[in-house]
Amino acid sequence: MSLKYCADPFRYHRRKTREVMVGRVGIGGDHPIRLQSMTTSDTLNTEATVRETLGLVEVGCEIVRITAPTVHDAENLKNIRDELRRRGCGVPLVADIHFLPKAAMTAVEYVEKVRINPGNFADKKKFAIREYTDSQYAEELERIEEAFTPLVRRCKELGRALRIGTNHGSLSDRIMNRYGDTPLGMVESALEFVRICRANDFHAIVLSMKASNPKVMIQAYRLLAARLDEQGWDYPFHLGVTEAGDGEDGRIKSAVGIGALLEDGIGDTIRVSLTEDSIHEIPVCHELAKPYNVPADLRRTLTETPFALPEHRDPYSYARRKTTPASIAGLSVGGESVIRVEIPMRLGLDADALARDLAAQPDTPGEILRLAIGSETDAQQALSLAAAAPGARFCWEIGHRLDLLRLAAKGRVHKIALDPQKAEPRALLDRAAALSCAIELVVSPGRFEEARPILDAAANRGFADLLLSVRPHEAMPAIAAARMLAAWLDHHGFAAPLHLRES
């Protein structure tokens, strides 16, 4: 697919959008990425909802969403708003609407933004399997336009904003039967409603493509960005992973989905959906947004990419890069193998304690333990650790200290990570073969050619246990750096696996 979803996959550029005002808080344009959350209190319980909202504002929440599943709930938004304003809290409120246009028409009178789900706004899902002719599909769209237009016009009259928020799990029968349960279906579902807004010259729109699966969510937002760019439309995006969960799982899942898109320059406001008290969402939002809320004049970024490279990956569907597997002491890395986990360790650990810790976690093993080796003393300590944990695999990261290879012992060093700049290819491959260990070439952004002599020598020799990693730079973060290295390798015909690292 030739559609372009971001300005440069190798260099950060925030997607350019129009400004949408939600009360006194601006989304998109030159505004920072906004942080928001959603109350979990019963909307009919005014005091509980007000108390929860005040708590969210206290920890940095900038926009608060409140569910309004019925007209009765929507009517109580007035009481909630009035009490918040009486207590001096001017935070913008968003009404979350499903199924009932009447609830939306009530809520819009009292809140700064209304969120509707195009999959169930005026659509009762019947799970009907049928083929829509073009004329039948057009009739469905006319029905939706008739139901949705009054809300659009009222938002325009009152100066309210509107979020068109598609959910992967609640697409209409109409969309499901034409596009399937796909990122394309999610995008088309939103665009049907955007076209109605545009027909009424209403542009205070924010869009979202939420899913519980981060892969689907990433694909849908990228496709939406590309489709809007194709049309010349510039509406801002709300990012979120639906029902991410709690604890580490919820935070990691949210970071994968939201973080990957922010790194693409996509996203103007975010919510982390944790199944915990809502106040715990905001610190996570803050940490995710912080690197991208640095003022442009203070941001360290490359003025241009070091070299032009074609990208062969499809950003709108997930597929792992094809690689030739490498072996690290019998552990297959790359190819069809699962993604392996490498853990950085510090020297000075008690060897027996390390062995006990490894034995105590059989379900989450440290598949490869990485040690930074900068001296002979470090090397001796590393050998002692390896002797105490014979079942573990150890990587020595030696940088330019190629002289330390003479201290490496077969069976206790399973991978050597080094800077290729000063390495002599034949000698390095001979030493790796003698140790029966793999090699990881650690390169810097824009200096990938330094790995070329070793890559060529390994190919000629048939040495397959070779990986690469790129050392992130503050002007080129980990994702962009890894993308560039993968593109460089593919361009030159090398299929070595990559070790992804953030430092």
Foldseek 3Di string as FASTA:
>chain_A
DPFFLFDDLQWDDAAAFDWFDQDPDIWGHQDAAAEAFEAPDDLVPLVVRLVLVVLQVVLPHQEYEYEQADLVSLQSLQVNQVVCVVVVHPRFYEYEYFQDLNSLVSNLVRGQEYEYELLRHVADAPVDADDADPVNLVVVLVVVLVSCLVSLVSCVVVVHAYEHEYELVRHHPSLCNPPNSALVSSLVSSVSVVVSNVVVVHQSYEYAYEEQQLLRRQLNSSVNSSVCVVVVHGHAYEDEHPAQEADPSQLVRGCSRLLVQVRSSHHGYYWRDYPDSGSVTRVSRCVSRVLVRDDPVPAQADPDALDDFDADDDSNHDDDAAFDWAAQPNDTDGHPDDHAAEAEDEFPDDLLVVQVVQVVCPPDHRAEYEYEDADLVSLVSQQVSCVSNLVHEYEYEHEDPPVCLVSDAASSHAEYEYALQPDDQVVVVVSCVVSVHAYEHEAERSGVVSCVVNQVVCVVVVPQRYEYEYAADSNGFQSSRVSVVVRVCVVVVHRHHYDGDGD
